[in-house]
């Protein structure tokens, strides 16, 4: 057996994949994309998995979707479609493949399944959850609707299918203001992210009734952090995610979704920039802009980091773990997502 021959039926989480000249040659163009964020000494560890995954997904007729918070070796190495929650929701509806493998967290994989009920949707780790999604249940939404009868419910896409099913429409951080105003109502319920709701309320005259969920990554940032970045790096441009506390948003130069932050960097090309969000996002944007200095606060999402190359390979080999949604929930949840996509066009 040649050194770079891959036994796809072996247990990828327990085997060593050899790095040889053929794999080096096949993966060289991919390393060019990430050489500024992945040290050369690490590439021989990643490359055999990247090569195996990219070959196996073709034989399986699989497509890999990866969120912006995935690590660079996944984001740039094996993903076919990348983006924020809105992009992944839109693109999941267009996928022409037998298998969709979602490199992200559980609610994203559920959304992909909602948009592709006849396809096999896999997630490499069932424990890849989300503090926001865990902060609210469908029963909680029903109680809110009883307390505020007739008030529209806007559900952040970072939520379970059950919660989506109880909502009128979904939103993402990229389109929250647009969605809130689309009802023409005096007030709406917006859940589950309290900070996103407060930051959205600051941009609209619509009264927003918020839930008290928070992202365990973004809630750790403070206005004091922003002042420290500016003191340490004069002239730095601060970009913040709207899941951050309002005082962080107020102290930033720009606030937007992960896609909006990446667009800002590409369009404005600041000499020095800090992305106040999950730290792999900075690595992925920096790989495309090696001439820009990135300050990297490293608040990691422990759930996103459960997704690894060995787990991705194992998921493709074994067709696990398959994501399912109760049909009684799926139709209503899908409607909420479809309304969001239609309203965002």
C-alpha atoms as a PDB file:
ATOM      1  CA  UNK A   1       0.000   0.000   0.000  1.00  0.00           C
ATOM      2  CA  UNK A   2       1.389   3.426  -0.956  1.00  0.00           C
ATOM      3  CA  UNK A   3       2.138   5.773   1.975  1.00  0.00           C
ATOM      4  CA  UNK A   4      -0.704   8.119   0.978  1.00  0.00           C
ATOM      5  CA  UNK A   5      -3.309   5.431   0.297  1.00  0.00           C
ATOM      6  CA  UNK A   6      -6.353   5.947   2.493  1.00  0.00           C
ATOM      7  CA  UNK A   7      -8.363   3.068   3.867  1.00  0.00           C
ATOM      8  CA  UNK A   8     -11.757   4.764   3.984  1.00  0.00           C
ATOM      9  CA  UNK A   9     -13.303   1.914   5.966  1.00  0.00           C
ATOM     10  CA  UNK A  10     -10.944   2.263   8.930  1.00  0.00           C
ATOM     11  CA  UNK A  11     -11.755   4.220  12.043  1.00  0.00           C
ATOM     12  CA  UNK A  12     -10.529   7.712  11.175  1.00  0.00           C
ATOM     13  CA  UNK A  13     -10.603   8.886  14.773  1.00  0.00           C
ATOM     14  CA  UNK A  14      -8.039   6.272  15.823  1.00  0.00           C
ATOM     15  CA  UNK A  15      -5.741   5.915  12.826  1.00  0.00           C
ATOM     16  CA  UNK A  16      -2.709   7.825  11.657  1.00  0.00           C
ATOM     17  CA  UNK A  17      -2.914   9.058   8.078  1.00  0.00           C
ATOM     18  CA  UNK A  18       0.492   9.228   6.449  1.00  0.00           C
ATOM     19  CA  UNK A  19       1.689  12.403   4.740  1.00  0.00           C
ATOM     20  CA  UNK A  20       3.568  11.644   1.542  1.00  0.00           C
ATOM     21  CA  UNK A  21       4.653  13.383  -1.669  1.00  0.00           C
ATOM     22  CA  UNK A  22       1.377  12.713  -3.486  1.00  0.00           C
ATOM     23  CA  UNK A  23      -0.743  14.191  -0.718  1.00  0.00           C
ATOM     24  CA  UNK A  24       1.661  17.106  -0.429  1.00  0.00           C
ATOM     25  CA  UNK A  25       1.253  17.823  -4.145  1.00  0.00           C
ATOM     26  CA  UNK A  26      -2.531  17.466  -4.126  1.00  0.00           C
ATOM     27  CA  UNK A  27      -2.999  19.731  -1.128  1.00  0.00           C
ATOM     28  CA  UNK A  28      -0.390  22.344  -2.018  1.00  0.00           C
ATOM     29  CA  UNK A  29      -2.938  24.744  -3.607  1.00  0.00           C
ATOM     30  CA  UNK A  30      -5.050  24.554  -0.459  1.00  0.00           C
ATOM     31  CA  UNK A  31      -2.077  25.316   1.752  1.00  0.00           C
ATOM     32  CA  UNK A  32      -1.409  28.429  -0.308  1.00  0.00           C
ATOM     33  CA  UNK A  33      -4.760  29.768   0.949  1.00  0.00           C
ATOM     34  CA  UNK A  34      -3.962  29.274   4.622  1.00  0.00           C
ATOM     35  CA  UNK A  35      -0.174  29.526   4.878  1.00  0.00           C
ATOM     36  CA  UNK A  36      -0.393  32.810   6.766  1.00  0.00           C
ATOM     37  CA  UNK A  37      -2.633  31.332   9.484  1.00  0.00           C
ATOM     38  CA  UNK A  38      -1.530  27.667   9.658  1.00  0.00           C
ATOM     39  CA  UNK A  39       2.175  27.064  10.395  1.00  0.00           C
ATOM     40  CA  UNK A  40       3.955  24.850   7.865  1.00  0.00           C
ATOM     41  CA  UNK A  41       4.841  22.390  10.628  1.00  0.00           C
ATOM     42  CA  UNK A  42       1.131  21.703  11.231  1.00  0.00           C
ATOM     43  CA  UNK A  43       0.140  21.096   7.601  1.00  0.00           C
ATOM     44  CA  UNK A  44       1.390  17.456   7.425  1.00  0.00           C
ATOM     45  CA  UNK A  45      -1.066  16.647  10.226  1.00  0.00           C
ATOM     46  CA  UNK A  46      -4.048  18.267   8.490  1.00  0.00           C
ATOM     47  CA  UNK A  47      -3.287  17.498   4.849  1.00  0.00           C
ATOM     48  CA  UNK A  48      -3.927  13.712   4.845  1.00  0.00           C
ATOM     49  CA  UNK A  49      -7.388  14.243   6.349  1.00  0.00           C
ATOM     50  CA  UNK A  50      -8.161  17.105   3.967  1.00  0.00           C
ATOM     51  CA  UNK A  51      -7.118  14.965   1.012  1.00  0.00           C
ATOM     52  CA  UNK A  52      -9.140  11.976   2.204  1.00  0.00           C
ATOM     53  CA  UNK A  53     -12.247  14.081   2.881  1.00  0.00           C
ATOM     54  CA  UNK A  54     -12.120  15.847  -0.465  1.00  0.00           C
ATOM     55  CA  UNK A  55     -11.796  12.553  -2.328  1.00  0.00           C
ATOM     56  CA  UNK A  56     -14.443  10.771  -0.302  1.00  0.00           C
ATOM     57  CA  UNK A  57     -17.062  13.520  -0.608  1.00  0.00           C
ATOM     58  CA  UNK A  58     -16.909  13.135  -4.397  1.00  0.00           C
ATOM     59  CA  UNK A  59     -17.590   9.406  -4.232  1.00  0.00           C
ATOM     60  CA  UNK A  60     -20.358   9.942  -1.688  1.00  0.00           C
ATOM     61  CA  UNK A  61     -21.925  12.822  -3.692  1.00  0.00           C
ATOM     62  CA  UNK A  62     -21.651  14.931  -0.562  1.00  0.00           C
ATOM     63  CA  UNK A  63     -21.368  18.664  -0.057  1.00  0.00           C
ATOM     64  CA  UNK A  64     -19.811  20.269   3.015  1.00  0.00           C
ATOM     65  CA  UNK A  65     -21.248  23.468   4.505  1.00  0.00           C
ATOM     66  CA  UNK A  66     -19.086  25.308   7.038  1.00  0.00           C
ATOM     67  CA  UNK A  67     -19.864  28.264   9.250  1.00  0.00           C
ATOM     68  CA  UNK A  68     -17.475  31.200   9.498  1.00  0.00           C
ATOM     69  CA  UNK A  69     -16.446  30.053  12.993  1.00  0.00           C
ATOM     70  CA  UNK A  70     -14.905  26.808  11.786  1.00  0.00           C
ATOM     71  CA  UNK A  71     -11.125  26.493  11.955  1.00  0.00           C
ATOM     72  CA  UNK A  72      -9.130  27.406   8.812  1.00  0.00           C
ATOM     73  CA  UNK A  73      -8.203  23.838   7.895  1.00  0.00           C
ATOM     74  CA  UNK A  74     -11.937  23.051   7.695  1.00  0.00           C
ATOM     75  CA  UNK A  75     -13.161  26.395   6.346  1.00  0.00           C
ATOM     76  CA  UNK A  76     -10.555  26.661   3.578  1.00  0.00           C
ATOM     77  CA  UNK A  77      -9.573  23.010   3.274  1.00  0.00           C
ATOM     78  CA  UNK A  78     -12.732  20.936   2.834  1.00  0.00           C
ATOM     79  CA  UNK A  79     -15.792  23.207   2.772  1.00  0.00           C
ATOM     80  CA  UNK A  80     -17.747  23.663  -0.464  1.00  0.00           C
ATOM     81  CA  UNK A  81     -20.018  26.388   0.895  1.00  0.00           C
ATOM     82  CA  UNK A  82     -19.058  28.812   3.656  1.00  0.00           C
ATOM     83  CA  UNK A  83     -20.765  31.739   5.318  1.00  0.00           C
ATOM     84  CA  UNK A  84     -22.897  33.029   8.156  1.00  0.00           C
ATOM     85  CA  UNK A  85     -26.214  31.541   9.240  1.00  0.00           C
ATOM     86  CA  UNK A  86     -28.188  33.387   6.545  1.00  0.00           C
ATOM     87  CA  UNK A  87     -25.879  32.276   3.731  1.00  0.00           C
ATOM     88  CA  UNK A  88     -25.897  28.672   4.927  1.00  0.00           C
ATOM     89  CA  UNK A  89     -29.709  28.677   5.196  1.00  0.00           C
ATOM     90  CA  UNK A  90     -30.059  30.069   1.677  1.00  0.00           C
ATOM     91  CA  UNK A  91     -27.482  27.787   0.123  1.00  0.00           C
ATOM     92  CA  UNK A  92     -28.759  24.694   1.914  1.00  0.00           C
ATOM     93  CA  UNK A  93     -32.002  25.112  -0.035  1.00  0.00           C
ATOM     94  CA  UNK A  94     -30.093  24.955  -3.337  1.00  0.00           C
ATOM     95  CA  UNK A  95     -27.813  22.014  -2.653  1.00  0.00           C
ATOM     96  CA  UNK A  96     -27.774  19.334  -5.339  1.00  0.00           C
ATOM     97  CA  UNK A  97     -26.149  16.416  -3.541  1.00  0.00           C
ATOM     98  CA  UNK A  98     -27.221  13.223  -1.799  1.00  0.00           C
ATOM     99  CA  UNK A  99     -25.504  14.122   1.473  1.00  0.00           C
ATOM    100  CA  UNK A 100     -25.133  17.467   3.244  1.00  0.00           C
ATOM    101  CA  UNK A 101     -22.488  17.522   5.950  1.00  0.00           C
ATOM    102  CA  UNK A 102     -22.815  20.553   8.218  1.00  0.00           C
ATOM    103  CA  UNK A 103     -19.672  21.819   9.911  1.00  0.00           C
ATOM    104  CA  UNK A 104     -21.248  23.972  12.547  1.00  0.00           C
ATOM    105  CA  UNK A 105     -23.672  23.407  15.401  1.00  0.00           C
ATOM    106  CA  UNK A 106     -26.881  21.465  15.824  1.00  0.00           C
ATOM    107  CA  UNK A 107     -29.386  24.195  14.948  1.00  0.00           C
ATOM    108  CA  UNK A 108     -27.555  24.817  11.654  1.00  0.00           C
ATOM    109  CA  UNK A 109     -27.755  21.140  10.753  1.00  0.00           C
ATOM    110  CA  UNK A 110     -31.463  21.143  11.639  1.00  0.00           C
ATOM    111  CA  UNK A 111     -31.986  24.147   9.360  1.00  0.00           C
ATOM    112  CA  UNK A 112     -30.218  22.348   6.512  1.00  0.00           C
ATOM    113  CA  UNK A 113     -32.520  19.357   7.083  1.00  0.00           C
ATOM    114  CA  UNK A 114     -35.587  21.605   7.125  1.00  0.00           C
ATOM    115  CA  UNK A 115     -34.613  22.962   3.720  1.00  0.00           C
ATOM    116  CA  UNK A 116     -33.760  19.496   2.355  1.00  0.00           C
ATOM    117  CA  UNK A 117     -36.175  17.025   3.943  1.00  0.00           C
ATOM    118  CA  UNK A 118     -35.432  14.283   1.381  1.00  0.00           C
ATOM    119  CA  UNK A 119     -31.644  14.480   1.720  1.00  0.00           C
ATOM    120  CA  UNK A 120     -29.310  12.950   4.277  1.00  0.00           C
ATOM    121  CA  UNK A 121     -27.932  15.652   6.582  1.00  0.00           C
ATOM    122  CA  UNK A 122     -24.989  14.789   8.808  1.00  0.00           C
ATOM    123  CA  UNK A 123     -23.244  16.568  11.675  1.00  0.00           C
ATOM    124  CA  UNK A 124     -19.828  15.271  12.787  1.00  0.00           C
ATOM    125  CA  UNK A 125     -20.544  15.641  16.517  1.00  0.00           C
ATOM    126  CA  UNK A 126     -23.951  15.458  18.173  1.00  0.00           C
ATOM    127  CA  UNK A 127     -22.678  17.469  21.146  1.00  0.00           C
ATOM    128  CA  UNK A 128     -22.067  20.571  19.010  1.00  0.00           C
ATOM    129  CA  UNK A 129     -24.781  22.671  20.608  1.00  0.00           C
ATOM    130  CA  UNK A 130     -25.382  26.367  21.246  1.00  0.00           C
ATOM    131  CA  UNK A 131     -25.978  28.330  24.438  1.00  0.00           C
ATOM    132  CA  UNK A 132     -28.598  30.468  22.695  1.00  0.00           C
ATOM    133  CA  UNK A 133     -30.506  27.504  21.320  1.00  0.00           C
ATOM    134  CA  UNK A 134     -30.406  25.865  24.757  1.00  0.00           C
ATOM    135  CA  UNK A 135     -31.826  28.963  26.459  1.00  0.00           C
ATOM    136  CA  UNK A 136     -35.395  28.558  25.183  1.00  0.00           C
ATOM    137  CA  UNK A 137     -37.924  25.843  24.327  1.00  0.00           C
ATOM    138  CA  UNK A 138     -41.076  25.653  22.274  1.00  0.00           C
ATOM    139  CA  UNK A 139     -43.067  25.681  25.518  1.00  0.00           C
ATOM    140  CA  UNK A 140     -41.418  28.971  26.468  1.00  0.00           C
ATOM    141  CA  UNK A 141     -42.503  30.515  23.173  1.00  0.00           C
ATOM    142  CA  UNK A 142     -46.072  29.321  23.651  1.00  0.00           C
ATOM    143  CA  UNK A 143     -46.157  30.973  27.072  1.00  0.00           C
ATOM    144  CA  UNK A 144     -44.860  34.225  25.574  1.00  0.00           C
ATOM    145  CA  UNK A 145     -47.603  34.140  22.941  1.00  0.00           C
ATOM    146  CA  UNK A 146     -50.192  33.663  25.663  1.00  0.00           C
ATOM    147  CA  UNK A 147     -48.808  36.649  27.563  1.00  0.00           C
ATOM    148  CA  UNK A 148     -48.662  38.838  24.435  1.00  0.00           C
ATOM    149  CA  UNK A 149     -51.521  37.649  22.227  1.00  0.00           C
ATOM    150  CA  UNK A 150     -51.289  38.725  18.605  1.00  0.00           C
ATOM    151  CA  UNK A 151     -47.724  40.056  18.882  1.00  0.00           C
ATOM    152  CA  UNK A 152     -45.527  38.673  16.059  1.00  0.00           C
ATOM    153  CA  UNK A 153     -42.681  36.380  17.082  1.00  0.00           C
ATOM    154  CA  UNK A 154     -39.294  36.826  15.415  1.00  0.00           C
ATOM    155  CA  UNK A 155     -36.963  33.946  16.115  1.00  0.00           C
ATOM    156  CA  UNK A 156     -33.201  34.235  15.681  1.00  0.00           C
ATOM    157  CA  UNK A 157     -32.004  31.386  13.501  1.00  0.00           C
ATOM    158  CA  UNK A 158     -29.761  30.306  16.414  1.00  0.00           C
ATOM    159  CA  UNK A 159     -32.585  28.214  17.855  1.00  0.00           C
ATOM    160  CA  UNK A 160     -34.020  24.732  17.682  1.00  0.00           C
ATOM    161  CA  UNK A 161     -36.517  23.570  15.074  1.00  0.00           C
ATOM    162  CA  UNK A 162     -39.096  23.351  17.854  1.00  0.00           C
ATOM    163  CA  UNK A 163     -38.677  27.066  18.617  1.00  0.00           C
ATOM    164  CA  UNK A 164     -38.709  27.968  14.929  1.00  0.00           C
ATOM    165  CA  UNK A 165     -41.989  26.094  14.585  1.00  0.00           C
ATOM    166  CA  UNK A 166     -43.589  28.269  17.267  1.00  0.00           C
ATOM    167  CA  UNK A 167     -42.377  31.505  15.618  1.00  0.00           C
ATOM    168  CA  UNK A 168     -43.785  33.557  12.771  1.00  0.00           C
ATOM    169  CA  UNK A 169     -40.468  34.132  11.037  1.00  0.00           C
ATOM    170  CA  UNK A 170     -36.753  33.637  11.562  1.00  0.00           C
ATOM    171  CA  UNK A 171     -34.021  36.247  11.340  1.00  0.00           C
ATOM    172  CA  UNK A 172     -30.242  36.355  11.422  1.00  0.00           C
ATOM    173  CA  UNK A 173     -27.939  39.034  12.743  1.00  0.00           C
ATOM    174  CA  UNK A 174     -27.619  40.245   9.146  1.00  0.00           C
ATOM    175  CA  UNK A 175     -31.320  40.939   8.593  1.00  0.00           C
ATOM    176  CA  UNK A 176     -32.796  41.399  12.080  1.00  0.00           C
ATOM    177  CA  UNK A 177     -33.899  45.038  11.613  1.00  0.00           C
ATOM    178  CA  UNK A 178     -35.419  44.272   8.209  1.00  0.00           C
ATOM    179  CA  UNK A 179     -37.357  41.297   9.572  1.00  0.00           C
ATOM    180  CA  UNK A 180     -38.597  43.136  12.682  1.00  0.00           C
ATOM    181  CA  UNK A 181     -39.922  45.986  10.534  1.00  0.00           C
ATOM    182  CA  UNK A 182     -41.467  43.690   7.920  1.00  0.00           C
ATOM    183  CA  UNK A 183     -44.626  43.181  10.005  1.00  0.00           C
ATOM    184  CA  UNK A 184     -45.511  46.864  10.193  1.00  0.00           C
ATOM    185  CA  UNK A 185     -46.376  46.205  13.833  1.00  0.00           C
ATOM    186  CA  UNK A 186     -45.841  48.490  16.825  1.00  0.00           C
ATOM    187  CA  UNK A 187     -44.069  45.751  18.751  1.00  0.00           C
ATOM    188  CA  UNK A 188     -42.678  42.272  18.245  1.00  0.00           C
ATOM    189  CA  UNK A 189     -41.310  39.470  20.374  1.00  0.00           C
ATOM    190  CA  UNK A 190     -37.684  38.758  19.466  1.00  0.00           C
ATOM    191  CA  UNK A 191     -35.882  35.723  20.837  1.00  0.00           C
ATOM    192  CA  UNK A 192     -33.723  34.200  22.160  1.00  0.00           C
ATOM    193  CA  UNK A 193     -30.711  36.596  22.113  1.00  0.00           C
ATOM    194  CA  UNK A 194     -31.199  39.498  24.526  1.00  0.00           C
ATOM    195  CA  UNK A 195     -28.265  41.512  23.200  1.00  0.00           C
ATOM    196  CA  UNK A 196     -29.228  41.089  19.549  1.00  0.00           C
ATOM    197  CA  UNK A 197     -32.748  42.237  20.498  1.00  0.00           C
ATOM    198  CA  UNK A 198     -31.423  45.300  22.322  1.00  0.00           C
ATOM    199  CA  UNK A 199     -29.038  46.206  19.506  1.00  0.00           C
ATOM    200  CA  UNK A 200     -31.848  45.784  16.985  1.00  0.00           C
ATOM    201  CA  UNK A 201     -34.193  47.937  19.100  1.00  0.00           C
ATOM    202  CA  UNK A 202     -31.637  50.747  18.942  1.00  0.00           C
ATOM    203  CA  UNK A 203     -32.064  50.836  15.152  1.00  0.00           C
ATOM    204  CA  UNK A 204     -35.855  50.791  14.880  1.00  0.00           C
ATOM    205  CA  UNK A 205     -38.941  52.431  16.332  1.00  0.00           C
ATOM    206  CA  UNK A 206     -40.576  49.024  16.800  1.00  0.00           C
ATOM    207  CA  UNK A 207     -40.899  48.042  20.470  1.00  0.00           C
ATOM    208  CA  UNK A 208     -39.078  44.762  21.032  1.00  0.00           C
ATOM    209  CA  UNK A 209     -39.957  42.277  23.753  1.00  0.00           C
ATOM    210  CA  UNK A 210     -36.763  40.300  24.394  1.00  0.00           C
ATOM    211  CA  UNK A 211     -35.895  36.913  25.826  1.00  0.00           C
ATOM    212  CA  UNK A 212     -32.856  36.580  28.087  1.00  0.00           C
ATOM    213  CA  UNK A 213     -30.635  34.188  26.166  1.00  0.00           C
ATOM    214  CA  UNK A 214     -27.002  35.049  25.456  1.00  0.00           C
ATOM    215  CA  UNK A 215     -24.151  33.707  23.368  1.00  0.00           C
ATOM    216  CA  UNK A 216     -21.457  32.383  25.671  1.00  0.00           C
ATOM    217  CA  UNK A 217     -18.772  33.704  23.301  1.00  0.00           C
ATOM    218  CA  UNK A 218     -20.033  37.228  22.659  1.00  0.00           C
ATOM    219  CA  UNK A 219     -21.289  37.986  26.172  1.00  0.00           C
ATOM    220  CA  UNK A 220     -17.697  37.786  27.445  1.00  0.00           C
ATOM    221  CA  UNK A 221     -16.612  40.881  25.516  1.00  0.00           C
ATOM    222  CA  UNK A 222     -16.764  44.235  27.306  1.00  0.00           C
ATOM    223  CA  UNK A 223     -16.354  47.935  26.511  1.00  0.00           C
ATOM    224  CA  UNK A 224     -13.165  47.773  28.574  1.00  0.00           C
ATOM    225  CA  UNK A 225     -11.828  45.212  26.076  1.00  0.00           C
ATOM    226  CA  UNK A 226     -12.470  47.665  23.243  1.00  0.00           C
ATOM    227  CA  UNK A 227     -10.608  50.424  25.072  1.00  0.00           C
ATOM    228  CA  UNK A 228      -7.705  48.054  25.655  1.00  0.00           C
ATOM    229  CA  UNK A 229      -7.508  47.152  21.944  1.00  0.00           C
ATOM    230  CA  UNK A 230      -7.398  50.837  21.021  1.00  0.00           C
ATOM    231  CA  UNK A 231      -4.767  51.637  23.650  1.00  0.00           C
ATOM    232  CA  UNK A 232      -2.536  48.757  22.584  1.00  0.00           C
ATOM    233  CA  UNK A 233      -2.914  49.339  18.837  1.00  0.00           C
ATOM    234  CA  UNK A 234      -3.486  52.996  17.898  1.00  0.00           C
ATOM    235  CA  UNK A 235      -5.628  53.434  14.793  1.00  0.00           C
ATOM    236  CA  UNK A 236      -7.168  49.975  15.023  1.00  0.00           C
ATOM    237  CA  UNK A 237     -10.651  49.516  13.531  1.00  0.00           C
ATOM    238  CA  UNK A 238     -13.038  47.598  15.779  1.00  0.00           C
ATOM    239  CA  UNK A 239     -15.752  45.432  14.208  1.00  0.00           C
ATOM    240  CA  UNK A 240     -18.302  43.890  16.588  1.00  0.00           C
ATOM    241  CA  UNK A 241     -20.968  41.241  16.237  1.00  0.00           C
ATOM    242  CA  UNK A 242     -24.508  42.292  17.281  1.00  0.00           C
ATOM    243  CA  UNK A 243     -24.659  39.413  19.767  1.00  0.00           C
ATOM    244  CA  UNK A 244     -22.216  41.469  21.878  1.00  0.00           C
ATOM    245  CA  UNK A 245     -23.483  43.629  24.767  1.00  0.00           C
ATOM    246  CA  UNK A 246     -24.837  47.052  23.663  1.00  0.00           C
ATOM    247  CA  UNK A 247     -21.939  48.886  25.334  1.00  0.00           C
ATOM    248  CA  UNK A 248     -19.517  46.892  23.148  1.00  0.00           C
ATOM    249  CA  UNK A 249     -21.514  47.734  20.037  1.00  0.00           C
ATOM    250  CA  UNK A 250     -21.528  51.408  21.051  1.00  0.00           C
ATOM    251  CA  UNK A 251     -17.745  51.391  21.410  1.00  0.00           C
ATOM    252  CA  UNK A 252     -17.108  49.696  18.044  1.00  0.00           C
ATOM    253  CA  UNK A 253     -16.507  51.356  14.678  1.00  0.00           C
ATOM    254  CA  UNK A 254     -18.829  48.949  12.852  1.00  0.00           C
ATOM    255  CA  UNK A 255     -21.345  46.305  13.873  1.00  0.00           C
ATOM    256  CA  UNK A 256     -22.562  43.513  11.648  1.00  0.00           C
ATOM    257  CA  UNK A 257     -22.938  39.815  11.023  1.00  0.00           C
ATOM    258  CA  UNK A 258     -19.883  37.689  10.350  1.00  0.00           C
ATOM    259  CA  UNK A 259     -20.490  38.086   6.608  1.00  0.00           C
ATOM    260  CA  UNK A 260     -20.815  41.864   6.998  1.00  0.00           C
ATOM    261  CA  UNK A 261     -17.568  42.016   8.970  1.00  0.00           C
ATOM    262  CA  UNK A 262     -15.723  40.046   6.288  1.00  0.00           C
ATOM    263  CA  UNK A 263     -17.186  42.334   3.605  1.00  0.00           C
ATOM    264  CA  UNK A 264     -16.125  45.404   5.581  1.00  0.00           C
ATOM    265  CA  UNK A 265     -12.521  44.203   5.739  1.00  0.00           C
ATOM    266  CA  UNK A 266     -12.429  43.445   2.021  1.00  0.00           C
ATOM    267  CA  UNK A 267     -14.088  46.715   1.035  1.00  0.00           C
ATOM    268  CA  UNK A 268     -12.317  49.136   3.392  1.00  0.00           C
ATOM    269  CA  UNK A 269      -9.001  47.328   3.868  1.00  0.00           C
ATOM    270  CA  UNK A 270      -8.092  48.823   7.260  1.00  0.00           C
ATOM    271  CA  UNK A 271      -4.415  48.639   8.139  1.00  0.00           C
ATOM    272  CA  UNK A 272      -5.243  47.146  11.551  1.00  0.00           C
ATOM    273  CA  UNK A 273      -8.493  45.514  12.593  1.00  0.00           C
ATOM    274  CA  UNK A 274     -10.015  43.471  15.393  1.00  0.00           C
ATOM    275  CA  UNK A 275     -13.099  41.289  14.890  1.00  0.00           C
ATOM    276  CA  UNK A 276     -15.005  41.115  18.166  1.00  0.00           C
ATOM    277  CA  UNK A 277     -16.447  37.657  17.664  1.00  0.00           C
ATOM    278  CA  UNK A 278     -15.380  33.980  17.739  1.00  0.00           C
ATOM    279  CA  UNK A 279     -11.643  33.855  17.088  1.00  0.00           C
ATOM    280  CA  UNK A 280     -11.542  31.448  14.122  1.00  0.00           C
ATOM    281  CA  UNK A 281     -13.439  34.093  12.175  1.00  0.00           C
ATOM    282  CA  UNK A 282     -10.331  36.297  12.302  1.00  0.00           C
ATOM    283  CA  UNK A 283      -8.138  33.469  11.017  1.00  0.00           C
ATOM    284  CA  UNK A 284     -10.454  32.798   8.084  1.00  0.00           C
ATOM    285  CA  UNK A 285     -10.682  36.450   7.049  1.00  0.00           C
ATOM    286  CA  UNK A 286      -6.961  37.006   7.640  1.00  0.00           C
ATOM    287  CA  UNK A 287      -6.126  34.146   5.275  1.00  0.00           C
ATOM    288  CA  UNK A 288      -7.707  36.166   2.463  1.00  0.00           C
ATOM    289  CA  UNK A 289      -6.019  39.431   3.506  1.00  0.00           C
ATOM    290  CA  UNK A 290      -2.412  38.681   4.493  1.00  0.00           C
ATOM    291  CA  UNK A 291      -1.453  42.359   4.192  1.00  0.00           C
ATOM    292  CA  UNK A 292      -3.861  43.446   6.967  1.00  0.00           C
ATOM    293  CA  UNK A 293      -2.845  43.266  10.615  1.00  0.00           C
ATOM    294  CA  UNK A 294      -5.421  41.359  12.667  1.00  0.00           C
ATOM    295  CA  UNK A 295      -5.568  41.597  16.442  1.00  0.00           C
ATOM    296  CA  UNK A 296      -7.045  38.289  17.549  1.00  0.00           C
ATOM    297  CA  UNK A 297      -8.990  38.162  20.815  1.00  0.00           C
ATOM    298  CA  UNK A 298      -9.434  34.446  21.315  1.00  0.00           C
ATOM    299  CA  UNK A 299     -12.897  33.772  22.687  1.00  0.00           C
ATOM    300  CA  UNK A 300     -13.528  30.251  21.434  1.00  0.00           C
ATOM    301  CA  UNK A 301     -16.903  28.614  20.893  1.00  0.00           C
ATOM    302  CA  UNK A 302     -16.476  25.202  22.545  1.00  0.00           C
ATOM    303  CA  UNK A 303     -19.309  23.783  20.439  1.00  0.00           C
ATOM    304  CA  UNK A 304     -17.888  24.866  17.074  1.00  0.00           C
ATOM    305  CA  UNK A 305     -14.535  23.437  18.096  1.00  0.00           C
ATOM    306  CA  UNK A 306     -16.043  19.987  18.546  1.00  0.00           C
ATOM    307  CA  UNK A 307     -15.978  19.730  14.743  1.00  0.00           C
ATOM    308  CA  UNK A 308     -12.601  18.381  13.578  1.00  0.00           C
ATOM    309  CA  UNK A 309     -11.164  16.890  10.408  1.00  0.00           C
ATOM    310  CA  UNK A 310     -11.072  13.308  11.813  1.00  0.00           C
ATOM    311  CA  UNK A 311     -14.733  13.608  12.850  1.00  0.00           C
ATOM    312  CA  UNK A 312     -15.683  14.942   9.414  1.00  0.00           C
ATOM    313  CA  UNK A 313     -13.952  12.008   7.719  1.00  0.00           C
ATOM    314  CA  UNK A 314     -15.601   9.575  10.116  1.00  0.00           C
ATOM    315  CA  UNK A 315     -19.011  11.145   9.436  1.00  0.00           C
ATOM    316  CA  UNK A 316     -18.603  10.701   5.680  1.00  0.00           C
ATOM    317  CA  UNK A 317     -17.302   7.144   5.984  1.00  0.00           C
ATOM    318  CA  UNK A 318     -19.969   5.964   8.426  1.00  0.00           C
ATOM    319  CA  UNK A 319     -22.803   8.330   7.361  1.00  0.00           C
ATOM    320  CA  UNK A 320     -23.171   9.598  10.898  1.00  0.00           C
ATOM    321  CA  UNK A 321     -24.542  11.393  12.728  1.00  0.00           C
ATOM    322  CA  UNK A 322     -27.748  11.822  10.776  1.00  0.00           C
ATOM    323  CA  UNK A 323     -29.932  14.797  11.679  1.00  0.00           C
ATOM    324  CA  UNK A 324     -33.696  14.311  11.789  1.00  0.00           C
ATOM    325  CA  UNK A 325     -36.571  16.646  12.598  1.00  0.00           C
ATOM    326  CA  UNK A 326     -39.992  15.506  13.798  1.00  0.00           C
ATOM    327  CA  UNK A 327     -42.328  15.865  10.786  1.00  0.00           C
ATOM    328  CA  UNK A 328     -44.954  17.443  13.049  1.00  0.00           C
ATOM    329  CA  UNK A 329     -42.483  20.259  13.765  1.00  0.00           C
ATOM    330  CA  UNK A 330     -40.614  20.402  10.465  1.00  0.00           C
ATOM    331  CA  UNK A 331     -43.330  21.905   8.254  1.00  0.00           C
ATOM    332  CA  UNK A 332     -43.968  24.891  10.544  1.00  0.00           C
ATOM    333  CA  UNK A 333     -40.281  25.406  11.259  1.00  0.00           C
ATOM    334  CA  UNK A 334     -39.483  25.310   7.531  1.00  0.00           C
ATOM    335  CA  UNK A 335     -42.104  27.972   6.919  1.00  0.00           C
ATOM    336  CA  UNK A 336     -40.402  30.320   9.370  1.00  0.00           C
ATOM    337  CA  UNK A 337     -37.060  29.869   7.623  1.00  0.00           C
ATOM    338  CA  UNK A 338     -38.575  30.249   4.147  1.00  0.00           C
ATOM    339  CA  UNK A 339     -40.299  33.460   5.166  1.00  0.00           C
ATOM    340  CA  UNK A 340     -36.937  34.810   6.317  1.00  0.00           C
ATOM    341  CA  UNK A 341     -35.255  33.903   3.040  1.00  0.00           C
ATOM    342  CA  UNK A 342     -38.072  35.468   1.014  1.00  0.00           C
ATOM    343  CA  UNK A 343     -38.027  38.646   3.097  1.00  0.00           C
ATOM    344  CA  UNK A 344     -34.248  38.961   2.665  1.00  0.00           C
ATOM    345  CA  UNK A 345     -34.253  38.918  -1.124  1.00  0.00           C
END
